[in-house]
Amino acid sequence: MKFDPTVITSHLAELLSGFGVTLTSWVAGVVIGIAIGFLIAVLQVFFGPIVRAVLRAYIELIRGTPFLVQLFLLYYGGPSFGLELDPMPAGIIGLGIYGSAYFAEVFRSGFESVPRGHLEAAECLGLTRWQSVVRVQAPQMLVIILPALVNMIIVLSKETAVLSIVTVPELTFVLTGIGSATFAFVETLLMLCVCYLALVELTSRAGQWAESRVGRFLMR
């Protein structure tokens, strides 16, 4: 059977719809993951060993189990605990929770990379611990962790493919459905690779642009 590009062109509307769902779930998952991850990192800075131990257990649990298993537990196991979610919200929440553990580690390493002397200087100036975090630690650590942050965002963009398992109508779900209906698996899988490659490349370019802007700002 010859390569037939019309399989893709004749399903452009479905393809664009799936791509839109992929972008929506990815962006929402990243926002949730960054918010929770930053909160965890800040709590580790402010609170004592008991709270840090609980947060560490959460991080190790999320990082130590596959995203697919976590998504299954959330979507199919949730009703057993009174939590019934539609596929899209379940996918976004699952993606956010999965990413939060990794973002928390990125932020934690960023906080720890700020020299202790800077915090002592802020304390001498009369800044509170929270003011030191906001005005001293956060700006410096954001510059340091930017490459790792972009890398994790890219990883989450590819993890959106797993959402098809719980019938989220994203790009993978749509294209595998088209492939099953038309038996054009080569065309649909190649298109899937191209779409994700484009998404990753654009994100990588945006990250490089952000790094160059930050570099020029620091050189002023």
N, C-alpha and C. Protein backbone atom coordinates (compact mmCIF):
# COMPACT_ATOMS: atom_id res chain seq x y z
N MET A 1 0.85 -1.20 0.00
CA MET A 1 0.00 0.00 0.00
C MET A 1 0.88 1.25 0.00
N LYS A 2 0.61 2.18 -0.94
CA LYS A 2 1.41 3.38 -1.06
C LYS A 2 1.04 4.41 0.01
N PHE A 3 2.02 5.28 0.28
CA PHE A 3 1.78 6.38 1.23
C PHE A 3 0.71 7.30 0.67
N ASP A 4 -0.34 7.58 1.43
CA ASP A 4 -1.47 8.36 0.95
C ASP A 4 -1.69 9.58 1.85
N PRO A 5 -1.18 10.77 1.46
CA PRO A 5 -1.33 11.97 2.28
C PRO A 5 -2.77 12.45 2.38
N THR A 6 -3.63 12.01 1.47
CA THR A 6 -5.03 12.46 1.52
C THR A 6 -5.75 11.95 2.76
N VAL A 7 -5.20 10.90 3.38
CA VAL A 7 -5.78 10.41 4.63
C VAL A 7 -5.74 11.51 5.70
N ILE A 8 -4.67 12.29 5.67
CA ILE A 8 -4.52 13.39 6.62
C ILE A 8 -5.33 14.60 6.19
N THR A 9 -5.20 14.99 4.93
CA THR A 9 -5.88 16.19 4.45
C THR A 9 -7.40 16.06 4.52
N SER A 10 -7.92 14.87 4.38
CA SER A 10 -9.36 14.68 4.44
C SER A 10 -9.90 14.67 5.87
N HIS A 11 -9.00 14.66 6.85
CA HIS A 11 -9.42 14.67 8.25
C HIS A 11 -8.80 15.85 9.00
N LEU A 12 -8.58 16.95 8.28
CA LEU A 12 -7.92 18.11 8.89
C LEU A 12 -8.71 18.68 10.06
N ALA A 13 -10.02 18.73 9.94
CA ALA A 13 -10.84 19.30 11.01
C ALA A 13 -10.67 18.50 12.30
N GLU A 14 -10.68 17.17 12.18
CA GLU A 14 -10.49 16.33 13.36
C GLU A 14 -9.08 16.50 13.92
N LEU A 15 -8.11 16.62 13.01
CA LEU A 15 -6.72 16.78 13.42
C LEU A 15 -6.53 18.08 14.21
N LEU A 16 -7.10 19.17 13.70
CA LEU A 16 -6.98 20.46 14.37
C LEU A 16 -7.69 20.45 15.73
N SER A 17 -8.82 19.77 15.78
CA SER A 17 -9.55 19.65 17.04
C SER A 17 -8.72 18.90 18.08
N GLY A 18 -8.13 17.79 17.66
CA GLY A 18 -7.28 17.02 18.57
C GLY A 18 -6.05 17.80 19.02
N PHE A 19 -5.47 18.56 18.09
CA PHE A 19 -4.30 19.37 18.43
C PHE A 19 -4.68 20.45 19.44
N GLY A 20 -5.88 21.02 19.27
CA GLY A 20 -6.36 22.02 20.22
C GLY A 20 -6.54 21.44 21.62
N VAL A 21 -7.08 20.23 21.69
CA VAL A 21 -7.26 19.57 22.99
C VAL A 21 -5.90 19.26 23.62
N THR A 22 -4.95 18.85 22.79
CA THR A 22 -3.60 18.59 23.30
C THR A 22 -2.99 19.84 23.89
N LEU A 23 -3.10 20.96 23.17
CA LEU A 23 -2.54 22.23 23.67
C LEU A 23 -3.22 22.66 24.96
N THR A 24 -4.55 22.54 25.00
CA THR A 24 -5.30 22.96 26.19
C THR A 24 -4.91 22.14 27.41
N SER A 25 -4.89 20.82 27.26
CA SER A 25 -4.55 19.96 28.38
C SER A 25 -3.10 20.16 28.81
N TRP A 26 -2.22 20.37 27.85
CA TRP A 26 -0.80 20.58 28.16
C TRP A 26 -0.60 21.88 28.94
N VAL A 27 -1.13 22.98 28.43
CA VAL A 27 -0.96 24.28 29.10
C VAL A 27 -1.59 24.26 30.49
N ALA A 28 -2.80 23.71 30.59
CA ALA A 28 -3.47 23.65 31.90
C ALA A 28 -2.69 22.77 32.87
N GLY A 29 -2.20 21.63 32.39
CA GLY A 29 -1.42 20.74 33.24
C GLY A 29 -0.13 21.38 33.72
N VAL A 30 0.53 22.11 32.82
CA VAL A 30 1.77 22.81 33.18
C VAL A 30 1.51 23.87 34.24
N VAL A 31 0.45 24.66 34.06
CA VAL A 31 0.11 25.71 35.03
C VAL A 31 -0.16 25.11 36.41
N ILE A 32 -0.96 24.03 36.44
CA ILE A 32 -1.27 23.37 37.72
C ILE A 32 0.00 22.78 38.34
N GLY A 33 0.80 22.14 37.51
CA GLY A 33 2.03 21.52 38.01
C GLY A 33 3.01 22.54 38.57
N ILE A 34 3.17 23.66 37.88
CA ILE A 34 4.09 24.71 38.35
C ILE A 34 3.57 25.33 39.65
N ALA A 35 2.26 25.58 39.71
CA ALA A 35 1.68 26.18 40.92
C ALA A 35 1.86 25.27 42.13
N ILE A 36 1.51 23.99 41.99
CA ILE A 36 1.66 23.05 43.11
C ILE A 36 3.13 22.82 43.44
N GLY A 37 3.95 22.69 42.41
CA GLY A 37 5.38 22.47 42.63
C GLY A 37 6.04 23.62 43.36
N PHE A 38 5.69 24.85 42.98
CA PHE A 38 6.26 26.02 43.66
C PHE A 38 5.80 26.08 45.11
N LEU A 39 4.51 25.76 45.34
CA LEU A 39 3.99 25.75 46.70
C LEU A 39 4.72 24.72 47.56
N ILE A 40 4.95 23.53 47.01
CA ILE A 40 5.67 22.50 47.75
C ILE A 40 7.09 22.97 48.09
N ALA A 41 7.75 23.59 47.12
CA ALA A 41 9.12 24.06 47.35
C ALA A 41 9.15 25.13 48.44
N VAL A 42 8.18 26.04 48.42
CA VAL A 42 8.13 27.10 49.43
C VAL A 42 7.85 26.50 50.81
N LEU A 43 6.94 25.54 50.88
CA LEU A 43 6.64 24.90 52.16
C LEU A 43 7.87 24.20 52.72
N GLN A 44 8.67 23.63 51.84
CA GLN A 44 9.90 22.99 52.29
C GLN A 44 10.89 24.00 52.86
N VAL A 45 10.82 25.23 52.36
CA VAL A 45 11.70 26.28 52.86
C VAL A 45 11.24 26.77 54.23
N PHE A 46 9.93 26.92 54.41
CA PHE A 46 9.38 27.55 55.61
C PHE A 46 9.17 26.60 56.78
N PHE A 47 8.79 25.36 56.50
CA PHE A 47 8.36 24.47 57.57
C PHE A 47 9.45 23.49 58.00
N GLY A 48 9.16 22.80 59.11
CA GLY A 48 10.13 21.92 59.74
C GLY A 48 10.23 20.55 59.12
N PRO A 49 10.96 19.66 59.77
CA PRO A 49 11.26 18.33 59.21
C PRO A 49 10.04 17.45 58.99
N ILE A 50 9.00 17.59 59.82
CA ILE A 50 7.81 16.74 59.66
C ILE A 50 7.10 17.06 58.35
N VAL A 51 6.87 18.36 58.11
CA VAL A 51 6.22 18.78 56.86
C VAL A 51 7.09 18.41 55.66
N ARG A 52 8.39 18.61 55.79
CA ARG A 52 9.30 18.27 54.68
C ARG A 52 9.28 16.78 54.40
N ALA A 53 9.15 15.96 55.45
CA ALA A 53 9.11 14.51 55.27
C ALA A 53 7.84 14.09 54.52
N VAL A 54 6.72 14.72 54.86
CA VAL A 54 5.45 14.42 54.18
C VAL A 54 5.53 14.82 52.71
N LEU A 55 6.07 16.00 52.46
CA LEU A 55 6.20 16.48 51.08
C LEU A 55 7.17 15.62 50.28
N ARG A 56 8.24 15.18 50.94
CA ARG A 56 9.20 14.30 50.27
C ARG A 56 8.56 12.97 49.90
N ALA A 57 7.69 12.46 50.79
CA ALA A 57 6.98 11.21 50.51
C ALA A 57 6.08 11.38 49.29
N TYR A 58 5.39 12.53 49.20
CA TYR A 58 4.53 12.81 48.05
C TYR A 58 5.36 12.84 46.76
N ILE A 59 6.48 13.54 46.81
CA ILE A 59 7.32 13.66 45.62
C ILE A 59 7.83 12.29 45.18
N GLU A 60 8.30 11.49 46.12
CA GLU A 60 8.83 10.17 45.77
C GLU A 60 7.74 9.24 45.25
N LEU A 61 6.54 9.38 45.80
CA LEU A 61 5.42 8.55 45.34
C LEU A 61 5.07 8.87 43.89
N ILE A 62 4.99 10.15 43.57
CA ILE A 62 4.64 10.56 42.21
C ILE A 62 5.76 10.22 41.24
N ARG A 63 6.98 10.49 41.62
CA ARG A 63 8.10 10.22 40.72
C ARG A 63 8.39 8.73 40.59
N GLY A 64 8.00 7.95 41.58
CA GLY A 64 8.31 6.53 41.57
C GLY A 64 7.26 5.65 40.92
N THR A 65 6.17 6.24 40.44
CA THR A 65 5.12 5.46 39.78
C THR A 65 4.85 6.02 38.39
N PRO A 66 4.52 5.17 37.42
CA PRO A 66 4.27 5.64 36.05
C PRO A 66 3.05 6.56 35.97
N PHE A 67 3.12 7.53 35.09
CA PHE A 67 2.01 8.44 34.88
C PHE A 67 0.75 7.69 34.46
N LEU A 68 0.91 6.65 33.64
CA LEU A 68 -0.23 5.86 33.18
C LEU A 68 -0.98 5.26 34.36
N VAL A 69 -0.25 4.72 35.33
CA VAL A 69 -0.88 4.11 36.51
C VAL A 69 -1.61 5.18 37.33
N GLN A 70 -0.97 6.34 37.50
CA GLN A 70 -1.60 7.43 38.25
C GLN A 70 -2.90 7.87 37.58
N LEU A 71 -2.87 7.95 36.25
CA LEU A 71 -4.05 8.38 35.51
C LEU A 71 -5.18 7.35 35.62
N PHE A 72 -4.83 6.09 35.56
CA PHE A 72 -5.83 5.03 35.74
C PHE A 72 -6.48 5.11 37.12
N LEU A 73 -5.65 5.30 38.15
CA LEU A 73 -6.17 5.39 39.52
C LEU A 73 -7.09 6.59 39.70
N LEU A 74 -6.72 7.71 39.07
CA LEU A 74 -7.53 8.92 39.20
C LEU A 74 -8.86 8.79 38.48
N TYR A 75 -8.81 8.25 37.25
CA TYR A 75 -10.02 8.21 36.42
C TYR A 75 -10.92 7.02 36.75
N TYR A 76 -10.31 5.83 36.84
CA TYR A 76 -11.11 4.64 37.08
C TYR A 76 -11.27 4.32 38.58
N GLY A 77 -10.27 4.71 39.38
CA GLY A 77 -10.37 4.45 40.81
C GLY A 77 -11.02 5.56 41.59
N GLY A 78 -11.09 6.76 40.99
CA GLY A 78 -11.69 7.89 41.68
C GLY A 78 -13.11 7.66 42.17
N PRO A 79 -14.00 7.06 41.37
CA PRO A 79 -15.38 6.83 41.83
C PRO A 79 -15.47 5.99 43.10
N SER A 80 -14.48 5.15 43.36
CA SER A 80 -14.49 4.36 44.59
C SER A 80 -14.35 5.24 45.83
N PHE A 81 -13.81 6.46 45.63
CA PHE A 81 -13.63 7.41 46.73
C PHE A 81 -14.56 8.61 46.59
N GLY A 82 -15.55 8.48 45.73
CA GLY A 82 -16.51 9.56 45.54
C GLY A 82 -16.03 10.66 44.60
N LEU A 83 -14.97 10.38 43.84
CA LEU A 83 -14.43 11.37 42.91
C LEU A 83 -14.69 10.91 41.48
N GLU A 84 -15.69 11.48 40.85
CA GLU A 84 -16.03 11.12 39.48
C GLU A 84 -15.69 12.28 38.55
N LEU A 85 -14.78 12.04 37.65
CA LEU A 85 -14.31 13.09 36.74
C LEU A 85 -14.53 12.67 35.30
N ASP A 86 -14.84 13.66 34.46
CA ASP A 86 -14.87 13.42 33.02
C ASP A 86 -13.45 13.24 32.52
N PRO A 87 -13.27 12.66 31.33
CA PRO A 87 -11.92 12.39 30.84
C PRO A 87 -11.00 13.62 30.80
N MET A 88 -11.52 14.75 30.28
CA MET A 88 -10.67 15.93 30.14
C MET A 88 -10.19 16.48 31.49
N PRO A 89 -11.09 16.74 32.45
CA PRO A 89 -10.61 17.20 33.76
C PRO A 89 -9.67 16.19 34.44
N ALA A 90 -9.99 14.91 34.31
CA ALA A 90 -9.12 13.89 34.90
C ALA A 90 -7.73 13.93 34.29
N GLY A 91 -7.68 14.10 32.97
CA GLY A 91 -6.39 14.17 32.29
C GLY A 91 -5.58 15.38 32.70
N ILE A 92 -6.22 16.54 32.79
CA ILE A 92 -5.53 17.77 33.17
C ILE A 92 -5.03 17.70 34.61
N ILE A 93 -5.91 17.25 35.52
CA ILE A 93 -5.51 17.14 36.93
C ILE A 93 -4.39 16.12 37.08
N GLY A 94 -4.52 14.98 36.39
CA GLY A 94 -3.48 13.96 36.47
C GLY A 94 -2.15 14.48 35.95
N LEU A 95 -2.18 15.21 34.85
CA LEU A 95 -0.95 15.77 34.27
C LEU A 95 -0.34 16.79 35.23
N GLY A 96 -1.19 17.61 35.85
CA GLY A 96 -0.70 18.61 36.79
C GLY A 96 -0.07 17.99 38.03
N ILE A 97 -0.71 16.95 38.58
CA ILE A 97 -0.17 16.28 39.76
C ILE A 97 1.16 15.60 39.42
N TYR A 98 1.19 14.94 38.27
CA TYR A 98 2.42 14.27 37.85
C TYR A 98 3.57 15.27 37.69
N GLY A 99 3.28 16.38 37.04
CA GLY A 99 4.32 17.39 36.83
C GLY A 99 4.74 18.10 38.10
N SER A 100 3.82 18.21 39.07
CA SER A 100 4.10 18.99 40.28
C SER A 100 5.30 18.44 41.05
N ALA A 101 5.44 17.12 41.10
CA ALA A 101 6.56 16.52 41.84
C ALA A 101 7.90 16.90 41.21
N TYR A 102 7.95 16.91 39.88
CA TYR A 102 9.18 17.26 39.19
C TYR A 102 9.46 18.76 39.26
N PHE A 103 8.41 19.56 39.11
CA PHE A 103 8.59 21.00 39.24
C PHE A 103 9.04 21.36 40.66
N ALA A 104 8.50 20.65 41.67
CA ALA A 104 8.89 20.92 43.06
C ALA A 104 10.39 20.72 43.24
N GLU A 105 10.93 19.65 42.64
CA GLU A 105 12.36 19.39 42.75
C GLU A 105 13.18 20.45 42.02
N VAL A 106 12.66 20.90 40.88
CA VAL A 106 13.36 21.96 40.14
C VAL A 106 13.41 23.24 40.97
N PHE A 107 12.27 23.62 41.55
CA PHE A 107 12.23 24.82 42.38
C PHE A 107 13.08 24.66 43.64
N ARG A 108 13.03 23.49 44.26
CA ARG A 108 13.82 23.26 45.47
C ARG A 108 15.31 23.43 45.19
N SER A 109 15.77 22.83 44.11
CA SER A 109 17.19 22.96 43.76
C SER A 109 17.54 24.41 43.46
N GLY A 110 16.57 25.15 42.87
CA GLY A 110 16.80 26.56 42.60
C GLY A 110 16.93 27.38 43.87
N PHE A 111 16.05 27.12 44.84
CA PHE A 111 16.13 27.82 46.11
C PHE A 111 17.46 27.54 46.81
N GLU A 112 17.88 26.28 46.78
CA GLU A 112 19.11 25.89 47.48
C GLU A 112 20.36 26.42 46.79
N SER A 113 20.24 26.78 45.51
CA SER A 113 21.41 27.29 44.78
C SER A 113 21.71 28.75 45.07
N VAL A 114 20.76 29.46 45.69
CA VAL A 114 21.00 30.86 46.04
C VAL A 114 21.96 30.91 47.22
N PRO A 115 23.06 31.65 47.10
CA PRO A 115 24.06 31.68 48.19
C PRO A 115 23.45 32.12 49.53
N ARG A 116 23.87 31.48 50.58
CA ARG A 116 23.38 31.79 51.92
C ARG A 116 23.65 33.24 52.30
N GLY A 117 24.77 33.78 51.81
CA GLY A 117 25.12 35.15 52.13
C GLY A 117 24.10 36.16 51.66
N HIS A 118 23.42 35.86 50.54
CA HIS A 118 22.40 36.78 50.04
C HIS A 118 21.22 36.85 51.00
N LEU A 119 20.87 35.72 51.57
CA LEU A 119 19.76 35.68 52.53
C LEU A 119 20.14 36.38 53.83
N GLU A 120 21.39 36.21 54.23
CA GLU A 120 21.85 36.88 55.45
C GLU A 120 21.87 38.39 55.25
N ALA A 121 22.24 38.83 54.04
CA ALA A 121 22.23 40.27 53.75
C ALA A 121 20.80 40.81 53.77
N ALA A 122 19.86 40.03 53.23
CA ALA A 122 18.45 40.45 53.25
C ALA A 122 17.94 40.55 54.68
N GLU A 123 18.36 39.61 55.52
CA GLU A 123 17.95 39.62 56.93
C GLU A 123 18.52 40.85 57.64
N CYS A 124 19.75 41.21 57.31
CA CYS A 124 20.36 42.40 57.91
C CYS A 124 19.64 43.67 57.50
N LEU A 125 19.05 43.66 56.31
CA LEU A 125 18.30 44.83 55.83
C LEU A 125 16.90 44.90 56.42
N GLY A 126 16.54 43.89 57.23
CA GLY A 126 15.24 43.91 57.89
C GLY A 126 14.13 43.22 57.13
N LEU A 127 14.47 42.47 56.08
CA LEU A 127 13.44 41.75 55.33
C LEU A 127 12.99 40.52 56.10
N THR A 128 11.69 40.23 56.04
CA THR A 128 11.17 39.01 56.66
C THR A 128 11.56 37.81 55.81
N ARG A 129 11.31 36.62 56.33
CA ARG A 129 11.67 35.39 55.58
C ARG A 129 10.89 35.34 54.27
N TRP A 130 9.61 35.69 54.30
CA TRP A 130 8.80 35.67 53.08
C TRP A 130 9.28 36.71 52.08
N GLN A 131 9.62 37.91 52.58
CA GLN A 131 10.13 38.96 51.68
C GLN A 131 11.46 38.53 51.05
N SER A 132 12.26 37.82 51.82
CA SER A 132 13.53 37.32 51.28
C SER A 132 13.29 36.32 50.15
N VAL A 133 12.27 35.47 50.34
CA VAL A 133 11.94 34.48 49.30
C VAL A 133 11.48 35.19 48.03
N VAL A 134 10.58 36.17 48.18
CA VAL A 134 9.98 36.84 47.03
C VAL A 134 10.98 37.76 46.33
N ARG A 135 11.75 38.51 47.10
CA ARG A 135 12.61 39.54 46.52
C ARG A 135 14.04 39.09 46.25
N VAL A 136 14.49 38.06 46.95
CA VAL A 136 15.89 37.65 46.80
C VAL A 136 16.01 36.25 46.17
N GLN A 137 15.38 35.26 46.80
CA GLN A 137 15.56 33.89 46.32
C GLN A 137 14.85 33.62 45.00
N ALA A 138 13.56 33.98 44.92
CA ALA A 138 12.77 33.66 43.73
C ALA A 138 13.36 34.23 42.43
N PRO A 139 13.71 35.54 42.38
CA PRO A 139 14.28 36.06 41.12
C PRO A 139 15.57 35.36 40.71
N GLN A 140 16.44 35.09 41.68
CA GLN A 140 17.72 34.45 41.35
C GLN A 140 17.53 33.01 40.91
N MET A 141 16.68 32.29 41.62
CA MET A 141 16.52 30.86 41.30
C MET A 141 15.78 30.67 39.98
N LEU A 142 14.90 31.59 39.61
CA LEU A 142 14.19 31.46 38.33
C LEU A 142 15.16 31.55 37.16
N VAL A 143 16.20 32.38 37.32
CA VAL A 143 17.22 32.47 36.28
C VAL A 143 18.00 31.16 36.17
N ILE A 144 18.31 30.59 37.32
CA ILE A 144 19.13 29.37 37.36
C ILE A 144 18.37 28.16 36.81
N ILE A 145 17.08 28.05 37.15
CA ILE A 145 16.33 26.83 36.82
C ILE A 145 15.64 26.90 35.46
N LEU A 146 15.77 28.00 34.75
CA LEU A 146 15.03 28.16 33.49
C LEU A 146 15.23 27.00 32.51
N PRO A 147 16.47 26.55 32.25
CA PRO A 147 16.63 25.40 31.33
C PRO A 147 15.92 24.14 31.82
N ALA A 148 16.03 23.83 33.13
CA ALA A 148 15.37 22.64 33.68
C ALA A 148 13.85 22.80 33.62
N LEU A 149 13.37 24.02 33.81
CA LEU A 149 11.94 24.27 33.77
C LEU A 149 11.39 24.04 32.37
N VAL A 150 12.11 24.55 31.37
CA VAL A 150 11.70 24.35 29.97
C VAL A 150 11.73 22.88 29.61
N ASN A 151 12.76 22.17 30.07
CA ASN A 151 12.87 20.75 29.78
C ASN A 151 11.68 19.97 30.34
N MET A 152 11.26 20.31 31.55
CA MET A 152 10.12 19.61 32.17
C MET A 152 8.83 19.94 31.44
N ILE A 153 8.69 21.17 30.98
CA ILE A 153 7.50 21.56 30.21
C ILE A 153 7.44 20.74 28.91
N ILE A 154 8.59 20.52 28.29
CA ILE A 154 8.65 19.70 27.07
C ILE A 154 8.25 18.26 27.37
N VAL A 155 8.74 17.74 28.49
CA VAL A 155 8.39 16.36 28.88
C VAL A 155 6.87 16.23 29.03
N LEU A 156 6.24 17.20 29.67
CA LEU A 156 4.79 17.14 29.86
C LEU A 156 4.04 17.24 28.54
N SER A 157 4.60 17.95 27.57
CA SER A 157 3.93 18.04 26.26
C SER A 157 3.81 16.66 25.63
N LYS A 158 4.82 15.82 25.81
CA LYS A 158 4.77 14.47 25.24
C LYS A 158 3.93 13.51 26.09
N GLU A 159 3.83 13.80 27.38
CA GLU A 159 3.00 12.95 28.25
C GLU A 159 1.51 13.11 27.95
N THR A 160 1.14 14.17 27.22
CA THR A 160 -0.28 14.33 26.87
C THR A 160 -0.78 13.16 26.02
N ALA A 161 0.13 12.46 25.35
CA ALA A 161 -0.28 11.31 24.54
C ALA A 161 -0.91 10.22 25.39
N VAL A 162 -0.51 10.14 26.67
CA VAL A 162 -1.05 9.11 27.57
C VAL A 162 -2.53 9.36 27.86
N LEU A 163 -2.97 10.61 27.73
CA LEU A 163 -4.37 10.94 28.04
C LEU A 163 -5.35 10.22 27.12
N SER A 164 -4.88 9.77 25.97
CA SER A 164 -5.76 9.04 25.05
C SER A 164 -6.26 7.74 25.67
N ILE A 165 -5.53 7.22 26.65
CA ILE A 165 -5.91 5.97 27.31
C ILE A 165 -7.25 6.11 28.04
N VAL A 166 -7.53 7.32 28.55
CA VAL A 166 -8.80 7.55 29.25
C VAL A 166 -9.78 8.31 28.35
N THR A 167 -9.60 8.17 27.05
CA THR A 167 -10.49 8.69 25.99
C THR A 167 -10.56 10.21 25.92
N VAL A 168 -9.49 10.89 26.36
CA VAL A 168 -9.42 12.33 26.10
C VAL A 168 -9.18 12.50 24.61
N PRO A 169 -10.02 13.29 23.89
CA PRO A 169 -9.91 13.37 22.44
C PRO A 169 -8.77 14.26 21.96
N GLU A 170 -7.56 13.97 22.45
CA GLU A 170 -6.40 14.77 22.03
C GLU A 170 -5.80 14.17 20.76
N LEU A 171 -4.63 14.67 20.39
CA LEU A 171 -4.04 14.35 19.09
C LEU A 171 -3.81 12.85 18.89
N THR A 172 -3.25 12.18 19.87
CA THR A 172 -2.98 10.74 19.74
C THR A 172 -4.27 9.96 19.59
N PHE A 173 -5.28 10.31 20.38
CA PHE A 173 -6.57 9.62 20.32
C PHE A 173 -7.20 9.79 18.94
N VAL A 174 -7.17 11.01 18.41
CA VAL A 174 -7.77 11.29 17.11
C VAL A 174 -7.05 10.56 15.99
N LEU A 175 -5.71 10.66 15.97
CA LEU A 175 -4.96 10.07 14.86
C LEU A 175 -4.96 8.54 14.91
N THR A 176 -4.92 7.96 16.09
CA THR A 176 -5.02 6.49 16.15
C THR A 176 -6.41 6.02 15.75
N GLY A 177 -7.41 6.85 16.04
CA GLY A 177 -8.77 6.53 15.60
C GLY A 177 -8.88 6.57 14.09
N ILE A 178 -8.28 7.59 13.48
CA ILE A 178 -8.28 7.69 12.01
C ILE A 178 -7.53 6.51 11.41
N GLY A 179 -6.39 6.15 12.02
CA GLY A 179 -5.61 5.02 11.52
C GLY A 179 -6.38 3.71 11.60
N SER A 180 -7.13 3.52 12.67
CA SER A 180 -7.91 2.30 12.82
C SER A 180 -9.05 2.23 11.82
N ALA A 181 -9.63 3.40 11.50
CA ALA A 181 -10.77 3.44 10.57
C ALA A 181 -10.33 3.27 9.13
N THR A 182 -9.14 3.78 8.80
CA THR A 182 -8.69 3.77 7.40
C THR A 182 -7.57 2.76 7.13
N PHE A 183 -7.04 2.15 8.19
CA PHE A 183 -5.89 1.24 8.11
C PHE A 183 -4.64 1.95 7.59
N ALA A 184 -4.62 3.29 7.69
CA ALA A 184 -3.45 4.07 7.25
C ALA A 184 -2.61 4.41 8.48
N PHE A 185 -2.03 3.39 9.08
CA PHE A 185 -1.30 3.60 10.33
C PHE A 185 0.01 4.35 10.12
N VAL A 186 0.66 4.11 8.97
CA VAL A 186 1.93 4.80 8.70
C VAL A 186 1.70 6.30 8.59
N GLU A 187 0.70 6.69 7.81
CA GLU A 187 0.42 8.12 7.61
C GLU A 187 0.05 8.81 8.92
N THR A 188 -0.82 8.17 9.69
CA THR A 188 -1.29 8.82 10.92
C THR A 188 -0.19 8.88 11.99
N LEU A 189 0.60 7.82 12.09
CA LEU A 189 1.67 7.83 13.09
C LEU A 189 2.78 8.81 12.72
N LEU A 190 3.08 8.92 11.42
CA LEU A 190 4.06 9.91 10.99
C LEU A 190 3.57 11.32 11.27
N MET A 191 2.28 11.55 11.03
CA MET A 191 1.71 12.87 11.32
C MET A 191 1.76 13.17 12.81
N LEU A 192 1.52 12.15 13.62
CA LEU A 192 1.59 12.32 15.06
C LEU A 192 3.01 12.72 15.48
N CYS A 193 4.01 12.06 14.89
CA CYS A 193 5.40 12.39 15.19
C CYS A 193 5.73 13.83 14.78
N VAL A 194 5.26 14.21 13.60
CA VAL A 194 5.52 15.57 13.10
C VAL A 194 4.91 16.62 14.01
N CYS A 195 3.68 16.39 14.46
CA CYS A 195 2.99 17.36 15.33
C CYS A 195 3.71 17.52 16.66
N TYR A 196 4.09 16.40 17.27
CA TYR A 196 4.79 16.49 18.55
C TYR A 196 6.18 17.07 18.38
N LEU A 197 6.84 16.74 17.27
CA LEU A 197 8.17 17.30 17.02
C LEU A 197 8.08 18.81 16.87
N ALA A 198 7.06 19.29 16.16
CA ALA A 198 6.87 20.73 15.99
C ALA A 198 6.60 21.41 17.32
N LEU A 199 5.77 20.77 18.15
CA LEU A 199 5.43 21.32 19.46
C LEU A 199 6.67 21.41 20.35
N VAL A 200 7.46 20.36 20.36
CA VAL A 200 8.68 20.34 21.17
C VAL A 200 9.69 21.36 20.66
N GLU A 201 9.83 21.45 19.34
CA GLU A 201 10.80 22.38 18.76
C GLU A 201 10.42 23.83 19.06
N LEU A 202 9.15 24.15 18.95
CA LEU A 202 8.70 25.52 19.24
C LEU A 202 8.92 25.86 20.72
N THR A 203 8.64 24.91 21.60
CA THR A 203 8.86 25.14 23.02
C THR A 203 10.34 25.31 23.33
N SER A 204 11.17 24.51 22.69
CA SER A 204 12.61 24.60 22.89
C SER A 204 13.13 25.95 22.41
N ARG A 205 12.64 26.39 21.26
CA ARG A 205 13.06 27.70 20.72
C ARG A 205 12.63 28.83 21.65
N ALA A 206 11.41 28.72 22.18
CA ALA A 206 10.92 29.74 23.12
C ALA A 206 11.78 29.76 24.38
N GLY A 207 12.19 28.58 24.85
CA GLY A 207 13.06 28.51 26.01
C GLY A 207 14.42 29.12 25.75
N GLN A 208 14.98 28.88 24.56
CA GLN A 208 16.27 29.47 24.21
C GLN A 208 16.17 30.99 24.12
N TRP A 209 15.04 31.47 23.58
CA TRP A 209 14.82 32.91 23.51
C TRP A 209 14.76 33.52 24.91
N ALA A 210 14.03 32.85 25.81
CA ALA A 210 13.90 33.33 27.18
C ALA A 210 15.27 33.34 27.87
N GLU A 211 16.07 32.30 27.64
CA GLU A 211 17.39 32.24 28.26
C GLU A 211 18.29 33.36 27.76
N SER A 212 18.21 33.66 26.46
CA SER A 212 19.03 34.75 25.91
C SER A 212 18.61 36.10 26.46
N ARG A 213 17.29 36.28 26.63
CA ARG A 213 16.79 37.53 27.22
C ARG A 213 17.26 37.68 28.65
N VAL A 214 17.20 36.61 29.41
CA VAL A 214 17.65 36.64 30.80
C VAL A 214 19.15 36.91 30.86
N GLY A 215 19.90 36.28 29.94
CA GLY A 215 21.35 36.48 29.90
C GLY A 215 21.70 37.93 29.63
N ARG A 216 20.99 38.56 28.70
CA ARG A 216 21.27 39.98 28.39
C ARG A 216 20.88 40.86 29.57
N PHE A 217 19.80 40.49 30.26
CA PHE A 217 19.39 41.27 31.43
C PHE A 217 20.44 41.21 32.54
N LEU A 218 21.02 40.02 32.74
CA LEU A 218 22.03 39.88 33.80
C LEU A 218 23.33 40.60 33.47
N MET A 219 23.60 40.80 32.17
CA MET A 219 24.83 41.45 31.77
C MET A 219 24.75 42.97 31.86
N ARG A 220 23.56 43.51 32.11
CA ARG A 220 23.41 44.97 32.21
C ARG A 220 24.08 45.51 33.47
